[in-house]
Amino acid sequence: MLAEKGSSLLNRPICQNLCTKALYTPGGNLQNLVETNPFSNYWCNCTMTAVGPDDRFVSPENCNRSRVCFKPIGGTPIA
């Protein structure tokens, strides 16, 4: 079951505007953009705050295709 969860998380698109300090520290990894880390702070590059341009909080779970401000890393998927 853990393997299923891991593969589904990695297949989910990540918003290019989602940021966390963990990416800028030695040993930081992209896992913090895929799954919310309770010890990380998240912000949106559009607003530079914890709230996106649509006035909703940002996190890996909240930043998804349902938001008008969502821009996936690598561009819009073809499928």
PDB file of N, CA and C in Angstrom:
ATOM      1  N   MET A   1       0.828  -1.197   0.000  1.00  0.00           N
ATOM      2  CA  MET A   1       0.000   0.000   0.000  1.00  0.00           C
ATOM      3  C   MET A   1       0.870   1.258   0.000  1.00  0.00           C
ATOM      4  N   LEU A   2       1.977   1.221   0.715  1.00  0.00           N
ATOM      5  CA  LEU A   2       2.871   2.377   0.742  1.00  0.00           C
ATOM      6  C   LEU A   2       3.424   2.666  -0.649  1.00  0.00           C
ATOM      7  N   ALA A   3       3.745   1.615  -1.395  1.00  0.00           N
ATOM      8  CA  ALA A   3       4.254   1.812  -2.754  1.00  0.00           C
ATOM      9  C   ALA A   3       3.202   2.471  -3.635  1.00  0.00           C
ATOM     10  N   GLU A   4       1.917   2.083  -3.461  1.00  0.00           N
ATOM     11  CA  GLU A   4       0.847   2.703  -4.239  1.00  0.00           C
ATOM     12  C   GLU A   4       0.733   4.179  -3.916  1.00  0.00           C
ATOM     13  N   LYS A   5       0.813   4.525  -2.636  1.00  0.00           N
ATOM     14  CA  LYS A   5       0.726   5.933  -2.229  1.00  0.00           C
ATOM     15  C   LYS A   5       1.883   6.719  -2.826  1.00  0.00           C
ATOM     16  N   GLY A   6       3.084   6.178  -2.752  1.00  0.00           N
ATOM     17  CA  GLY A   6       4.257   6.870  -3.278  1.00  0.00           C
ATOM     18  C   GLY A   6       4.173   7.112  -4.764  1.00  0.00           C
ATOM     19  N   SER A   7       3.722   6.121  -5.525  1.00  0.00           N
ATOM     20  CA  SER A   7       3.651   6.306  -6.971  1.00  0.00           C
ATOM     21  C   SER A   7       2.557   7.295  -7.354  1.00  0.00           C
ATOM     22  N   SER A   8       1.442   7.322  -6.618  1.00  0.00           N
ATOM     23  CA  SER A   8       0.386   8.281  -6.950  1.00  0.00           C
ATOM     24  C   SER A   8       0.818   9.703  -6.613  1.00  0.00           C
ATOM     25  N   LEU A   9       1.600   9.876  -5.550  1.00  0.00           N
ATOM     26  CA  LEU A   9       2.087  11.201  -5.200  1.00  0.00           C
ATOM     27  C   LEU A   9       3.050  11.728  -6.250  1.00  0.00           C
ATOM     28  N   LEU A  10       3.893  10.856  -6.779  1.00  0.00           N
ATOM     29  CA  LEU A  10       4.877  11.291  -7.767  1.00  0.00           C
ATOM     30  C   LEU A  10       4.249  11.568  -9.117  1.00  0.00           C
ATOM     31  N   ASN A  11       3.073  11.021  -9.382  1.00  0.00           N
ATOM     32  CA  ASN A  11       2.393  11.259 -10.649  1.00  0.00           C
ATOM     33  C   ASN A  11       1.550  12.520 -10.624  1.00  0.00           C
ATOM     34  N   ARG A  12       1.386  13.125  -9.464  1.00  0.00           N
ATOM     35  CA  ARG A  12       0.572  14.330  -9.334  1.00  0.00           C
ATOM     36  C   ARG A  12       1.393  15.539  -9.784  1.00  0.00           C
ATOM     37  N   PRO A  13       0.819  16.430 -10.595  1.00  0.00           N
ATOM     38  CA  PRO A  13       1.570  17.617 -11.022  1.00  0.00           C
ATOM     39  C   PRO A  13       1.842  18.562  -9.854  1.00  0.00           C
ATOM     40  N   ILE A  14       2.965  19.239  -9.919  1.00  0.00           N
ATOM     41  CA  ILE A  14       3.388  20.173  -8.876  1.00  0.00           C
ATOM     42  C   ILE A  14       3.311  21.578  -9.450  1.00  0.00           C
ATOM     43  N   CYS A  15       2.767  22.512  -8.681  1.00  0.00           N
ATOM     44  CA  CYS A  15       2.666  23.889  -9.145  1.00  0.00           C
ATOM     45  C   CYS A  15       4.047  24.545  -9.127  1.00  0.00           C
ATOM     46  N   GLN A  16       4.386  25.206 -10.212  1.00  0.00           N
ATOM     47  CA  GLN A  16       5.696  25.860 -10.299  1.00  0.00           C
ATOM     48  C   GLN A  16       5.819  27.061  -9.363  1.00  0.00           C
ATOM     49  N   ASN A  17       4.708  27.562  -8.837  1.00  0.00           N
ATOM     50  CA  ASN A  17       4.746  28.707  -7.932  1.00  0.00           C
ATOM     51  C   ASN A  17       4.826  28.320  -6.465  1.00  0.00           C
ATOM     52  N   LEU A  18       4.707  27.031  -6.158  1.00  0.00           N
ATOM     53  CA  LEU A  18       4.782  26.556  -4.777  1.00  0.00           C
ATOM     54  C   LEU A  18       6.238  26.489  -4.338  1.00  0.00           C
ATOM     55  N   CYS A  19       6.550  27.122  -3.229  1.00  0.00           N
ATOM     56  CA  CYS A  19       7.924  27.143  -2.718  1.00  0.00           C
ATOM     57  C   CYS A  19       7.967  26.763  -1.246  1.00  0.00           C
ATOM     58  N   THR A  20       9.100  26.260  -0.843  1.00  0.00           N
ATOM     59  CA  THR A  20       9.361  25.960   0.555  1.00  0.00           C
ATOM     60  C   THR A  20      10.842  26.179   0.825  1.00  0.00           C
ATOM     61  N   LYS A  21      11.155  26.598   2.021  1.00  0.00           N
ATOM     62  CA  LYS A  21      12.537  26.854   2.398  1.00  0.00           C
ATOM     63  C   LYS A  21      13.384  25.583   2.312  1.00  0.00           C
ATOM     64  N   ALA A  22      12.735  24.429   2.475  1.00  0.00           N
ATOM     65  CA  ALA A  22      13.457  23.156   2.432  1.00  0.00           C
ATOM     66  C   ALA A  22      14.178  22.943   1.103  1.00  0.00           C
ATOM     67  N   LEU A  23      13.702  23.564   0.035  1.00  0.00           N
ATOM     68  CA  LEU A  23      14.366  23.430  -1.265  1.00  0.00           C
ATOM     69  C   LEU A  23      15.696  24.166  -1.320  1.00  0.00           C
ATOM     70  N   TYR A  24      15.869  25.143  -0.459  1.00  0.00           N
ATOM     71  CA  TYR A  24      17.057  25.989  -0.498  1.00  0.00           C
ATOM     72  C   TYR A  24      18.074  25.636   0.575  1.00  0.00           C
ATOM     73  N   THR A  25      17.839  24.552   1.310  1.00  0.00           N
ATOM     74  CA  THR A  25      18.769  24.133   2.351  1.00  0.00           C
ATOM     75  C   THR A  25      19.530  22.892   1.896  1.00  0.00           C
ATOM     76  N   PRO A  26      20.743  22.705   2.380  1.00  0.00           N
ATOM     77  CA  PRO A  26      21.482  21.493   2.013  1.00  0.00           C
ATOM     78  C   PRO A  26      20.695  20.251   2.416  1.00  0.00           C
ATOM     79  N   GLY A  27      20.593  19.316   1.514  1.00  0.00           N
ATOM     80  CA  GLY A  27      19.850  18.086   1.781  1.00  0.00           C
ATOM     81  C   GLY A  27      18.364  18.201   1.505  1.00  0.00           C
ATOM     82  N   GLY A  28      17.912  19.388   1.098  1.00  0.00           N
ATOM     83  CA  GLY A  28      16.500  19.564   0.766  1.00  0.00           C
ATOM     84  C   GLY A  28      16.139  18.765  -0.478  1.00  0.00           C
ATOM     85  N   ASN A  29      14.887  18.341  -0.565  1.00  0.00           N
ATOM     86  CA  ASN A  29      14.500  17.562  -1.737  1.00  0.00           C
ATOM     87  C   ASN A  29      13.089  17.917  -2.181  1.00  0.00           C
ATOM     88  N   LEU A  30      12.711  17.412  -3.332  1.00  0.00           N
ATOM     89  CA  LEU A  30      11.399  17.715  -3.906  1.00  0.00           C
ATOM     90  C   LEU A  30      10.247  17.049  -3.155  1.00  0.00           C
ATOM     91  N   GLN A  31      10.546  16.107  -2.264  1.00  0.00           N
ATOM     92  CA  GLN A  31       9.483  15.444  -1.505  1.00  0.00           C
ATOM     93  C   GLN A  31       8.636  16.475  -0.762  1.00  0.00           C
ATOM     94  N   ASN A  32       9.232  17.593  -0.354  1.00  0.00           N
ATOM     95  CA  ASN A  32       8.495  18.643   0.349  1.00  0.00           C
ATOM     96  C   ASN A  32       7.501  19.365  -0.551  1.00  0.00           C
ATOM     97  N   LEU A  33       7.632  19.222  -1.873  1.00  0.00           N
ATOM     98  CA  LEU A  33       6.652  19.802  -2.792  1.00  0.00           C
ATOM     99  C   LEU A  33       5.569  18.798  -3.180  1.00  0.00           C
ATOM    100  N   VAL A  34       5.813  17.534  -2.887  1.00  0.00           N
ATOM    101  CA  VAL A  34       4.866  16.486  -3.233  1.00  0.00           C
ATOM    102  C   VAL A  34       3.944  16.173  -2.064  1.00  0.00           C
ATOM    103  N   GLU A  35       4.493  16.189  -0.881  1.00  0.00           N
ATOM    104  CA  GLU A  35       3.748  15.830   0.325  1.00  0.00           C
ATOM    105  C   GLU A  35       4.016  16.891   1.383  1.00  0.00           C
ATOM    106  N   THR A  36       2.978  17.376   2.050  1.00  0.00           N
ATOM    107  CA  THR A  36       3.148  18.427   3.050  1.00  0.00           C
ATOM    108  C   THR A  36       3.993  17.934   4.207  1.00  0.00           C
ATOM    109  N   ASN A  37       5.027  18.701   4.520  1.00  0.00           N
ATOM    110  CA  ASN A  37       5.877  18.433   5.670  1.00  0.00           C
ATOM    111  C   ASN A  37       5.435  19.389   6.773  1.00  0.00           C
ATOM    112  N   PRO A  38       5.011  18.882   7.930  1.00  0.00           N
ATOM    113  CA  PRO A  38       4.524  19.767   8.988  1.00  0.00           C
ATOM    114  C   PRO A  38       5.591  20.728   9.524  1.00  0.00           C
ATOM    115  N   PHE A  39       6.856  20.461   9.217  1.00  0.00           N
ATOM    116  CA  PHE A  39       7.940  21.315   9.696  1.00  0.00           C
ATOM    117  C   PHE A  39       8.393  22.321   8.642  1.00  0.00           C
ATOM    118  N   SER A  40       7.746  22.336   7.483  1.00  0.00           N
ATOM    119  CA  SER A  40       8.102  23.264   6.409  1.00  0.00           C
ATOM    120  C   SER A  40       7.104  24.411   6.324  1.00  0.00           C
ATOM    121  N   ASN A  41       7.591  25.543   5.883  1.00  0.00           N
ATOM    122  CA  ASN A  41       6.731  26.686   5.587  1.00  0.00           C
ATOM    123  C   ASN A  41       6.614  26.780   4.081  1.00  0.00           C
ATOM    124  N   TYR A  42       5.404  27.016   3.597  1.00  0.00           N
ATOM    125  CA  TYR A  42       5.152  27.109   2.163  1.00  0.00           C
ATOM    126  C   TYR A  42       4.704  28.511   1.805  1.00  0.00           C
ATOM    127  N   TRP A  43       5.068  28.956   0.587  1.00  0.00           N
ATOM    128  CA  TRP A  43       4.591  30.238   0.081  1.00  0.00           C
ATOM    129  C   TRP A  43       4.403  30.133  -1.425  1.00  0.00           C
ATOM    130  N   CYS A  44       3.646  31.077  -1.949  1.00  0.00           N
ATOM    131  CA  CYS A  44       3.386  31.146  -3.376  1.00  0.00           C
ATOM    132  C   CYS A  44       4.292  32.218  -3.977  1.00  0.00           C
ATOM    133  N   ASN A  45       4.960  31.893  -5.065  1.00  0.00           N
ATOM    134  CA  ASN A  45       5.829  32.873  -5.725  1.00  0.00           C
ATOM    135  C   ASN A  45       5.047  34.024  -6.352  1.00  0.00           C
ATOM    136  N   CYS A  46       3.762  33.825  -6.601  1.00  0.00           N
ATOM    137  CA  CYS A  46       2.939  34.899  -7.176  1.00  0.00           C
ATOM    138  C   CYS A  46       2.684  36.006  -6.157  1.00  0.00           C
ATOM    139  N   THR A  47       2.444  35.612  -4.905  1.00  0.00           N
ATOM    140  CA  THR A  47       2.095  36.582  -3.868  1.00  0.00           C
ATOM    141  C   THR A  47       3.200  36.764  -2.830  1.00  0.00           C
ATOM    142  N   MET A  48       4.153  35.832  -2.815  1.00  0.00           N
ATOM    143  CA  MET A  48       5.239  35.812  -1.819  1.00  0.00           C
ATOM    144  C   MET A  48       4.696  35.701  -0.389  1.00  0.00           C
ATOM    145  N   THR A  49       3.532  35.071  -0.244  1.00  0.00           N
ATOM    146  CA  THR A  49       2.930  34.827   1.067  1.00  0.00           C
ATOM    147  C   THR A  49       2.404  33.391   1.103  1.00  0.00           C
ATOM    148  N   ALA A  50       1.856  33.005   2.249  1.00  0.00           N
ATOM    149  CA  ALA A  50       1.285  31.666   2.432  1.00  0.00           C
ATOM    150  C   ALA A  50      -0.090  31.534   1.797  1.00  0.00           C
ATOM    151  N   VAL A  51      -0.552  32.607   1.163  1.00  0.00           N
ATOM    152  CA  VAL A  51      -1.855  32.621   0.505  1.00  0.00           C
ATOM    153  C   VAL A  51      -1.637  32.918  -0.972  1.00  0.00           C
ATOM    154  N   GLY A  52      -2.289  32.141  -1.839  1.00  0.00           N
ATOM    155  CA  GLY A  52      -2.155  32.339  -3.273  1.00  0.00           C
ATOM    156  C   GLY A  52      -2.993  33.500  -3.766  1.00  0.00           C
ATOM    157  N   PRO A  53      -2.919  33.818  -5.063  1.00  0.00           N
ATOM    158  CA  PRO A  53      -3.682  34.930  -5.626  1.00  0.00           C
ATOM    159  C   PRO A  53      -5.201  34.720  -5.557  1.00  0.00           C
ATOM    160  N   ASP A  54      -5.622  33.487  -5.302  1.00  0.00           N
ATOM    161  CA  ASP A  54      -7.054  33.202  -5.161  1.00  0.00           C
ATOM    162  C   ASP A  54      -7.507  33.238  -3.696  1.00  0.00           C
ATOM    163  N   ASP A  55      -6.667  33.768  -2.816  1.00  0.00           N
ATOM    164  CA  ASP A  55      -6.953  33.925  -1.377  1.00  0.00           C
ATOM    165  C   ASP A  55      -7.129  32.595  -0.647  1.00  0.00           C
ATOM    166  N   ARG A  56      -6.478  31.539  -1.127  1.00  0.00           N
ATOM    167  CA  ARG A  56      -6.482  30.249  -0.444  1.00  0.00           C
ATOM    168  C   ARG A  56      -5.064  29.905  -0.038  1.00  0.00           C
ATOM    169  N   PHE A  57      -4.930  29.187   1.103  1.00  0.00           N
ATOM    170  CA  PHE A  57      -3.607  28.808   1.590  1.00  0.00           C
ATOM    171  C   PHE A  57      -2.908  27.866   0.616  1.00  0.00           C
ATOM    172  N   VAL A  58      -1.578  27.944   0.595  1.00  0.00           N
ATOM    173  CA  VAL A  58      -0.778  27.096  -0.288  1.00  0.00           C
ATOM    174  C   VAL A  58      -0.148  25.952   0.489  1.00  0.00           C
ATOM    175  N   SER A  59      -0.072  24.811  -0.146  1.00  0.00           N
ATOM    176  CA  SER A  59       0.597  23.611   0.356  1.00  0.00           C
ATOM    177  C   SER A  59       0.582  22.605  -0.787  1.00  0.00           C
ATOM    178  N   PRO A  60       1.353  21.535  -0.689  1.00  0.00           N
ATOM    179  CA  PRO A  60       1.323  20.543  -1.761  1.00  0.00           C
ATOM    180  C   PRO A  60      -0.080  19.977  -2.016  1.00  0.00           C
ATOM    181  N   GLU A  61      -0.869  19.800  -0.979  1.00  0.00           N
ATOM    182  CA  GLU A  61      -2.221  19.271  -1.159  1.00  0.00           C
ATOM    183  C   GLU A  61      -3.182  20.323  -1.714  1.00  0.00           C
ATOM    184  N   ASN A  62      -2.986  21.578  -1.358  1.00  0.00           N
ATOM    185  CA  ASN A  62      -3.909  22.641  -1.780  1.00  0.00           C
ATOM    186  C   ASN A  62      -3.618  23.182  -3.173  1.00  0.00           C
ATOM    187  N   CYS A  63      -2.377  23.114  -3.602  1.00  0.00           N
ATOM    188  CA  CYS A  63      -2.000  23.668  -4.903  1.00  0.00           C
ATOM    189  C   CYS A  63      -2.166  22.589  -5.972  1.00  0.00           C
ATOM    190  N   ASN A  64      -3.329  22.599  -6.612  1.00  0.00           N
ATOM    191  CA  ASN A  64      -3.642  21.573  -7.601  1.00  0.00           C
ATOM    192  C   ASN A  64      -4.401  22.190  -8.778  1.00  0.00           C
ATOM    193  N   ARG A  65      -4.801  21.353  -9.704  1.00  0.00           N
ATOM    194  CA  ARG A  65      -5.443  21.817 -10.940  1.00  0.00           C
ATOM    195  C   ARG A  65      -6.763  22.551 -10.722  1.00  0.00           C
ATOM    196  N   SER A  66      -7.363  22.387  -9.541  1.00  0.00           N
ATOM    197  CA  SER A  66      -8.652  23.045  -9.293  1.00  0.00           C
ATOM    198  C   SER A  66      -8.502  24.554  -9.089  1.00  0.00           C
ATOM    199  N   ARG A  67      -7.288  25.033  -8.906  1.00  0.00           N
ATOM    200  CA  ARG A  67      -7.053  26.460  -8.676  1.00  0.00           C
ATOM    201  C   ARG A  67      -6.729  27.158  -9.994  1.00  0.00           C
ATOM    202  N   VAL A  68      -7.270  28.353 -10.181  1.00  0.00           N
ATOM    203  CA  VAL A  68      -7.033  29.091 -11.424  1.00  0.00           C
ATOM    204  C   VAL A  68      -5.582  29.537 -11.557  1.00  0.00           C
ATOM    205  N   CYS A  69      -4.882  29.666 -10.447  1.00  0.00           N
ATOM    206  CA  CYS A  69      -3.491  30.119 -10.476  1.00  0.00           C
ATOM    207  C   CYS A  69      -2.500  28.966 -10.681  1.00  0.00           C
ATOM    208  N   PHE A  70      -2.966  27.729 -10.720  1.00  0.00           N
ATOM    209  CA  PHE A  70      -2.091  26.558 -10.826  1.00  0.00           C
ATOM    210  C   PHE A  70      -1.380  26.516 -12.172  1.00  0.00           C
ATOM    211  N   LYS A  71      -0.039  26.370 -12.111  1.00  0.00           N
ATOM    212  CA  LYS A  71       0.788  26.226 -13.313  1.00  0.00           C
ATOM    213  C   LYS A  71       1.727  25.053 -13.068  1.00  0.00           C
ATOM    214  N   PRO A  72       1.506  23.917 -13.722  1.00  0.00           N
ATOM    215  CA  PRO A  72       2.349  22.747 -13.461  1.00  0.00           C
ATOM    216  C   PRO A  72       3.783  22.940 -13.929  1.00  0.00           C
ATOM    217  N   ILE A  73       4.705  22.355 -13.191  1.00  0.00           N
ATOM    218  CA  ILE A  73       6.112  22.373 -13.588  1.00  0.00           C
ATOM    219  C   ILE A  73       6.219  21.666 -14.933  1.00  0.00           C
ATOM    220  N   GLY A  74       6.865  22.281 -15.873  1.00  0.00           N
ATOM    221  CA  GLY A  74       7.022  21.706 -17.204  1.00  0.00           C
ATOM    222  C   GLY A  74       5.915  22.068 -18.163  1.00  0.00           C
ATOM    223  N   GLY A  75       4.946  22.878 -17.729  1.00  0.00           N
ATOM    224  CA  GLY A  75       3.869  23.277 -18.617  1.00  0.00           C
ATOM    225  C   GLY A  75       2.627  22.415 -18.462  1.00  0.00           C
ATOM    226  N   THR A  76       1.633  22.716 -19.261  1.00  0.00           N
ATOM    227  CA  THR A  76       0.359  22.003 -19.196  1.00  0.00           C
ATOM    228  C   THR A  76       0.506  20.607 -19.803  1.00  0.00           C
ATOM    229  N   PRO A  77       0.037  19.570 -19.070  1.00  0.00           N
ATOM    230  CA  PRO A  77       0.116  18.207 -19.626  1.00  0.00           C
ATOM    231  C   PRO A  77      -0.731  18.069 -20.893  1.00  0.00           C
ATOM    232  N   ILE A  78      -0.290  17.232 -21.807  1.00  0.00           N
ATOM    233  CA  ILE A  78      -0.980  17.060 -23.083  1.00  0.00           C
ATOM    234  C   ILE A  78      -2.241  16.222 -22.927  1.00  0.00           C
ATOM    235  N   ALA A  79      -2.259  15.271 -22.021  1.00  0.00           N
ATOM    236  CA  ALA A  79      -3.436  14.390 -21.860  1.00  0.00           C
ATOM    237  C   ALA A  79      -4.432  15.137 -21.083  1.00  0.00           C
TER     238      ALA A  79
END
